[in-house]
C-alpha atoms as a PDB file:
ATOM      1  CA  MET A   1      21.261 337.290 134.085  1.00  0.00           C
ATOM      2  CA  ALA A   2      20.587 333.962 133.890  1.00  0.00           C
ATOM      3  CA  SER A   3      22.321 331.339 135.137  1.00  0.00           C
ATOM      4  CA  ALA A   4      25.001 329.100 133.072  1.00  0.00           C
ATOM      5  CA  THR A   5      21.993 326.610 133.872  1.00  0.00           C
ATOM      6  CA  GLN A   6      19.222 328.192 132.625  1.00  0.00           C
ATOM      7  CA  ILE A   7      17.268 328.831 129.049  1.00  0.00           C
ATOM      8  CA  VAL A   8      14.677 330.049 127.414  1.00  0.00           C
ATOM      9  CA  THR A   9      14.089 327.217 124.372  1.00  0.00           C
ATOM     10  CA  GLY A  10      13.096 328.455 121.040  1.00  0.00           C
ATOM     11  CA  LYS A  11       9.557 328.563 119.491  1.00  0.00           C
ATOM     12  CA  VAL A  12       7.780 324.294 121.245  1.00  0.00           C
ATOM     13  CA  ARG A  13       5.212 322.770 121.312  1.00  0.00           C
ATOM     14  CA  PHE A  14       3.330 322.206 124.739  1.00  0.00           C
ATOM     15  CA  SER A  15       1.905 318.260 125.325  1.00  0.00           C
ATOM     16  CA  PHE A  16       0.249 317.535 129.111  1.00  0.00           C
ATOM     17  CA  LEU A  17       0.639 321.119 130.442  1.00  0.00           C
ATOM     18  CA  HIS A  18      -0.232 321.406 133.578  1.00  0.00           C
ATOM     19  CA  CYS A  19       0.414 324.907 134.384  1.00  0.00           C
ATOM     20  CA  TRP A  20      -1.968 326.051 136.583  1.00  0.00           C
ATOM     21  CA  GLU A  21      -2.575 323.272 139.417  1.00  0.00           C
ATOM     22  CA  PRO A  22      -0.323 320.333 140.194  1.00  0.00           C
ATOM     23  CA  TYR A  23      -0.501 316.466 138.434  1.00  0.00           C
ATOM     24  CA  THR A  24       0.541 313.115 138.264  1.00  0.00           C
ATOM     25  CA  ALA A  25       0.426 310.318 136.946  1.00  0.00           C
ATOM     26  CA  ILE A  26       2.823 308.640 139.804  1.00  0.00           C
ATOM     27  CA  ASP A  27       0.381 307.072 142.947  1.00  0.00           C
ATOM     28  CA  ASN A  28       2.236 309.291 146.308  1.00  0.00           C
ATOM     29  CA  ALA A  29       4.377 310.878 143.969  1.00  0.00           C
ATOM     30  CA  ASP A  30       4.301 314.849 144.500  1.00  0.00           C
ATOM     31  CA  PRO A  31       2.152 316.080 142.662  1.00  0.00           C
ATOM     32  CA  ARG A  32       4.143 319.155 139.971  1.00  0.00           C
ATOM     33  CA  TYR A  33       3.302 322.269 137.487  1.00  0.00           C
ATOM     34  CA  SER A  34       4.865 320.411 134.063  1.00  0.00           C
ATOM     35  CA  VAL A  35       4.960 320.284 130.220  1.00  0.00           C
ATOM     36  CA  VAL A  36       6.064 318.248 127.777  1.00  0.00           C
ATOM     37  CA  LEU A  37       7.791 320.424 125.118  1.00  0.00           C
ATOM     38  CA  LEU A  38       7.647 319.386 121.952  1.00  0.00           C
ATOM     39  CA  ILE A  39      10.848 320.626 120.579  1.00  0.00           C
ATOM     40  CA  PRO A  40      11.402 321.056 116.228  1.00  0.00           C
ATOM     41  CA  LYS A  41      14.129 318.240 115.346  1.00  0.00           C
ATOM     42  CA  SER A  42      15.252 322.244 113.128  1.00  0.00           C
ATOM     43  CA  ASP A  43      15.970 323.690 115.910  1.00  0.00           C
ATOM     44  CA  LYS A  44      19.084 322.891 116.917  1.00  0.00           C
ATOM     45  CA  THR A  45      19.913 326.297 118.810  1.00  0.00           C
ATOM     46  CA  THR A  46      18.100 325.023 121.500  1.00  0.00           C
ATOM     47  CA  ILE A  47      19.756 321.146 121.542  1.00  0.00           C
ATOM     48  CA  GLN A  48      22.875 323.716 121.911  1.00  0.00           C
ATOM     49  CA  ARG A  49      21.823 325.321 124.977  1.00  0.00           C
ATOM     50  CA  LEU A  50      20.474 322.021 126.466  1.00  0.00           C
ATOM     51  CA  GLN A  51      23.495 320.265 126.041  1.00  0.00           C
ATOM     52  CA  ALA A  52      25.684 323.446 126.999  1.00  0.00           C
ATOM     53  CA  ALA A  53      22.545 324.015 130.501  1.00  0.00           C
ATOM     54  CA  ALA A  54      23.360 320.352 131.247  1.00  0.00           C
ATOM     55  CA  LYS A  55      26.885 320.542 131.015  1.00  0.00           C
ATOM     56  CA  ALA A  56      27.248 323.457 133.631  1.00  0.00           C
ATOM     57  CA  ALA A  57      24.656 321.670 136.185  1.00  0.00           C
ATOM     58  CA  ARG A  58      26.532 318.495 136.300  1.00  0.00           C
ATOM     59  CA  GLU A  59      29.977 321.053 136.643  1.00  0.00           C
ATOM     60  CA  ALA A  60      28.295 322.571 139.637  1.00  0.00           C
ATOM     61  CA  TRP A  61      26.761 319.163 141.455  1.00  0.00           C
ATOM     62  CA  SER A  62      29.888 317.450 141.049  1.00  0.00           C
ATOM     63  CA  GLU A  63      32.217 320.780 142.441  1.00  0.00           C
ATOM     64  CA  LYS A  64      29.620 321.003 145.021  1.00  0.00           C
ATOM     65  CA  ASN A  65      29.279 317.330 146.134  1.00  0.00           C
ATOM     66  CA  GLY A  66      33.309 315.995 145.223  1.00  0.00           C
ATOM     67  CA  LYS A  67      32.287 313.356 142.969  1.00  0.00           C
ATOM     68  CA  ALA A  68      30.846 313.566 139.198  1.00  0.00           C
ATOM     69  CA  VAL A  69      27.350 312.537 138.036  1.00  0.00           C
ATOM     70  CA  ALA A  70      26.739 309.328 136.711  1.00  0.00           C
ATOM     71  CA  PRO A  71      26.730 309.617 132.605  1.00  0.00           C
ATOM     72  CA  GLU A  72      24.323 308.792 130.556  1.00  0.00           C
ATOM     73  CA  SER A  73      25.188 305.945 128.288  1.00  0.00           C
ATOM     74  CA  GLU A  74      21.684 305.248 126.270  1.00  0.00           C
ATOM     75  CA  ALA A  75      21.483 309.203 125.713  1.00  0.00           C
ATOM     76  CA  VAL A  76      19.787 309.907 122.335  1.00  0.00           C
ATOM     77  CA  ILE A  77      21.615 312.882 122.103  1.00  0.00           C
ATOM     78  CA  PRO A  78      25.596 313.489 124.335  1.00  0.00           C
ATOM     79  CA  GLY A  79      24.020 314.763 128.215  1.00  0.00           C
ATOM     80  CA  LEU A  80      20.707 314.434 127.170  1.00  0.00           C
ATOM     81  CA  GLY A  81      19.306 311.621 128.716  1.00  0.00           C
ATOM     82  CA  THR A  82      16.147 313.293 129.511  1.00  0.00           C
ATOM     83  CA  LEU A  83      15.002 314.163 126.505  1.00  0.00           C
ATOM     84  CA  HIS A  84      13.692 311.567 123.639  1.00  0.00           C
ATOM     85  CA  ASP A  85      12.902 310.804 120.012  1.00  0.00           C
ATOM     86  CA  GLY A  86       9.330 311.731 119.339  1.00  0.00           C
ATOM     87  CA  ASP A  87      10.102 309.456 115.772  1.00  0.00           C
ATOM     88  CA  GLY A  88      11.330 306.627 118.749  1.00  0.00           C
ATOM     89  CA  GLN A  89       9.671 305.035 121.255  1.00  0.00           C
ATOM     90  CA  ARG A  90       8.866 306.310 124.744  1.00  0.00           C
ATOM     91  CA  PRO A  91      10.829 304.429 127.718  1.00  0.00           C
ATOM     92  CA  ASN A  92       8.587 302.246 128.366  1.00  0.00           C
ATOM     93  CA  GLY A  93       7.793 300.480 124.618  1.00  0.00           C
ATOM     94  CA  ASP A  94       5.070 302.569 123.468  1.00  0.00           C
ATOM     95  CA  ASP A  95       5.537 304.644 120.881  1.00  0.00           C
ATOM     96  CA  PHE A  96       5.560 308.435 120.976  1.00  0.00           C
ATOM     97  CA  GLY A  97       1.637 309.977 119.464  1.00  0.00           C
ATOM     98  CA  PRO A  98       1.697 311.525 115.828  1.00  0.00           C
ATOM     99  CA  GLU A  99       2.363 315.157 116.966  1.00  0.00           C
ATOM    100  CA  CYS A 100       5.513 314.316 118.160  1.00  0.00           C
ATOM    101  CA  LYS A 101       6.851 312.762 115.040  1.00  0.00           C
ATOM    102  CA  GLY A 102       9.472 314.985 113.947  1.00  0.00           C
ATOM    103  CA  CYS A 103      10.389 316.184 117.456  1.00  0.00           C
ATOM    104  CA  TRP A 104      13.048 315.848 120.399  1.00  0.00           C
ATOM    105  CA  VAL A 105      10.066 315.064 123.420  1.00  0.00           C
ATOM    106  CA  LEU A 106      11.924 316.891 127.196  1.00  0.00           C
ATOM    107  CA  SER A 107       9.037 317.192 129.783  1.00  0.00           C
ATOM    108  CA  ALA A 108      10.041 319.853 132.964  1.00  0.00           C
ATOM    109  CA  SER A 109       8.285 320.252 136.358  1.00  0.00           C
ATOM    110  CA  SER A 110       8.405 322.448 139.039  1.00  0.00           C
ATOM    111  CA  LYS A 111       7.480 322.075 142.496  1.00  0.00           C
ATOM    112  CA  ALA A 112       5.836 326.676 141.816  1.00  0.00           C
ATOM    113  CA  ALA A 113       3.961 327.644 139.473  1.00  0.00           C
ATOM    114  CA  PRO A 114       5.412 328.392 136.435  1.00  0.00           C
ATOM    115  CA  LYS A 115       4.939 332.004 135.185  1.00  0.00           C
ATOM    116  CA  VAL A 116       3.088 332.077 132.568  1.00  0.00           C
ATOM    117  CA  VAL A 117       2.494 335.400 130.350  1.00  0.00           C
ATOM    118  CA  ASP A 118       1.583 335.830 126.182  1.00  0.00           C
ATOM    119  CA  GLU A 119       3.101 337.433 123.700  1.00  0.00           C
ATOM    120  CA  PHE A 120       4.025 340.365 125.076  1.00  0.00           C
ATOM    121  CA  LYS A 121       5.655 338.906 128.459  1.00  0.00           C
ATOM    122  CA  ASN A 122       1.465 340.183 130.362  1.00  0.00           C
ATOM    123  CA  GLU A 123       0.981 337.026 132.687  1.00  0.00           C
ATOM    124  CA  ILE A 124      -2.140 335.114 131.821  1.00  0.00           C
ATOM    125  CA  LEU A 125      -4.748 334.522 133.920  1.00  0.00           C
ATOM    126  CA  ASP A 126      -7.254 333.198 131.917  1.00  0.00           C
ATOM    127  CA  ARG A 127      -6.579 328.394 132.771  1.00  0.00           C
ATOM    128  CA  GLY A 128      -8.553 328.982 129.146  1.00  0.00           C
ATOM    129  CA  GLY A 129      -6.307 331.448 127.989  1.00  0.00           C
ATOM    130  CA  ILE A 130      -3.373 328.460 127.468  1.00  0.00           C
ATOM    131  CA  LYS A 131      -3.082 324.933 126.716  1.00  0.00           C
ATOM    132  CA  SER A 132      -1.498 321.109 124.940  1.00  0.00           C
ATOM    133  CA  GLY A 133      -0.710 322.514 121.238  1.00  0.00           C
ATOM    134  CA  ASP A 134      -0.223 325.371 122.179  1.00  0.00           C
ATOM    135  CA  TYR A 135       2.920 326.903 120.546  1.00  0.00           C
ATOM    136  CA  GLY A 136       5.802 329.033 122.687  1.00  0.00           C
ATOM    137  CA  LYS A 137       8.758 329.641 124.265  1.00  0.00           C
ATOM    138  CA  VAL A 138       9.742 328.719 127.259  1.00  0.00           C
ATOM    139  CA  ILE A 139      12.179 328.938 130.445  1.00  0.00           C
ATOM    140  CA  LEU A 140      14.615 325.772 132.042  1.00  0.00           C
ATOM    141  CA  ASN A 141      16.464 326.000 134.580  1.00  0.00           C
ATOM    142  CA  ALA A 142      19.148 322.194 134.618  1.00  0.00           C
ATOM    143  CA  PHE A 143      19.951 320.168 137.272  1.00  0.00           C
ATOM    144  CA  ALA A 144      22.114 317.067 138.190  1.00  0.00           C
ATOM    145  CA  TYR A 145      21.078 314.843 140.622  1.00  0.00           C
ATOM    146  CA  ARG A 146      22.186 311.513 142.124  1.00  0.00           C
ATOM    147  CA  LYS A 147      19.363 309.495 143.753  1.00  0.00           C
ATOM    148  CA  GLY A 148      17.448 306.321 144.414  1.00  0.00           C
ATOM    149  CA  GLY A 149      21.009 304.796 142.842  1.00  0.00           C
ATOM    150  CA  ASN A 150      20.029 306.719 139.971  1.00  0.00           C
ATOM    151  CA  SER A 151      21.768 310.371 138.359  1.00  0.00           C
ATOM    152  CA  GLY A 152      21.472 312.260 135.459  1.00  0.00           C
ATOM    153  CA  VAL A 153      20.745 315.490 134.539  1.00  0.00           C
ATOM    154  CA  SER A 154      16.577 316.956 135.043  1.00  0.00           C
ATOM    155  CA  PHE A 155      15.057 320.829 133.186  1.00  0.00           C
ATOM    156  CA  GLY A 156      12.838 322.792 135.942  1.00  0.00           C
ATOM    157  CA  LEU A 157       9.893 324.429 134.350  1.00  0.00           C
ATOM    158  CA  ASN A 158      10.169 328.338 135.382  1.00  0.00           C
ATOM    159  CA  ALA A 159       8.072 330.041 133.162  1.00  0.00           C
ATOM    160  CA  ILE A 160       6.229 329.543 130.028  1.00  0.00           C
ATOM    161  CA  GLN A 161       5.434 332.573 127.726  1.00  0.00           C
ATOM    162  CA  LEU A 162       2.579 331.562 124.422  1.00  0.00           C
ATOM    163  CA  LEU A 163       3.906 333.075 121.177  1.00  0.00           C
ATOM    164  CA  GLU A 164       0.375 330.313 119.325  1.00  0.00           C
ATOM    165  CA  GLU A 165      -2.462 328.922 119.726  1.00  0.00           C
ATOM    166  CA  GLY A 166      -2.435 325.556 118.315  1.00  0.00           C
ATOM    167  CA  GLU A 167      -4.825 322.507 117.578  1.00  0.00           C
ATOM    168  CA  ALA A 168      -5.738 320.946 120.929  1.00  0.00           C
ATOM    169  CA  LEU A 169      -3.744 317.885 121.786  1.00  0.00           C
ATOM    170  CA  GLY A 170      -5.624 315.230 123.660  1.00  0.00           C
ATOM    171  CA  SER A 171      -9.276 313.223 122.867  1.00  0.00           C
ATOM    172  CA  SER A 172     -12.506 314.583 122.690  1.00  0.00           C
ATOM    173  CA  VAL A 173     -16.021 314.142 122.351  1.00  0.00           C
ATOM    174  CA  ASP A 174     -18.859 315.201 120.159  1.00  0.00           C
ATOM    175  CA  VAL A 175     -21.448 315.916 122.632  1.00  0.00           C
ATOM    176  CA  ASP A 176     -24.736 315.667 120.094  1.00  0.00           C
ATOM    177  CA  ASP A 177     -23.813 311.627 120.695  1.00  0.00           C
ATOM    178  CA  PHE A 178     -25.778 311.801 123.334  1.00  0.00           C
ATOM    179  CA  ASP A 179     -28.542 312.030 120.538  1.00  0.00           C
ATOM    180  CA  ASP A 180     -27.344 308.916 119.104  1.00  0.00           C
ATOM    181  CA  GLU A 181     -28.600 306.207 121.549  1.00  0.00           C
ATOM    182  CA  ASP A 182     -31.753 304.300 122.159  1.00  0.00           C
ATOM    183  CA  PHE A 183     -32.549 303.614 125.208  1.00  0.00           C
END
């Protein structure tokens, strides 16, 4: 049985999917397996599950450490400071991409490789079998933290289930463009 901090999302879209090799975009940071989830704003059930798991993680951390994790006053949705509005701007001030419109955006990561399965729960071994832009469900685990003057709740990535292929996200190049260059 799952703990109060673990949830299964509804159908989400995967972006910046790094489920085969750990990745980091920050110098000197530990690489992690990660995914950015695009959660449709219409999926109220997943948001409620995220809130409940975040609340349970805060309570467990407070019980264990004898002090509370600071509240997230700037959260778009109470208790979910790690959730961003895809119709707005990224924390750095840049606009989210068009694929984020109408969605909540949530990052999840893990030091350990997540289990990756298909719609029938068969393990996907082909690295090309799942990509950014595909749709599926994710098992997450909420955890509270207090480190370096920061505190809050984040979500660990446990498992990914592919439900449906989607249009690949990211830029692509047409190799026929090589024919257009005159040297």
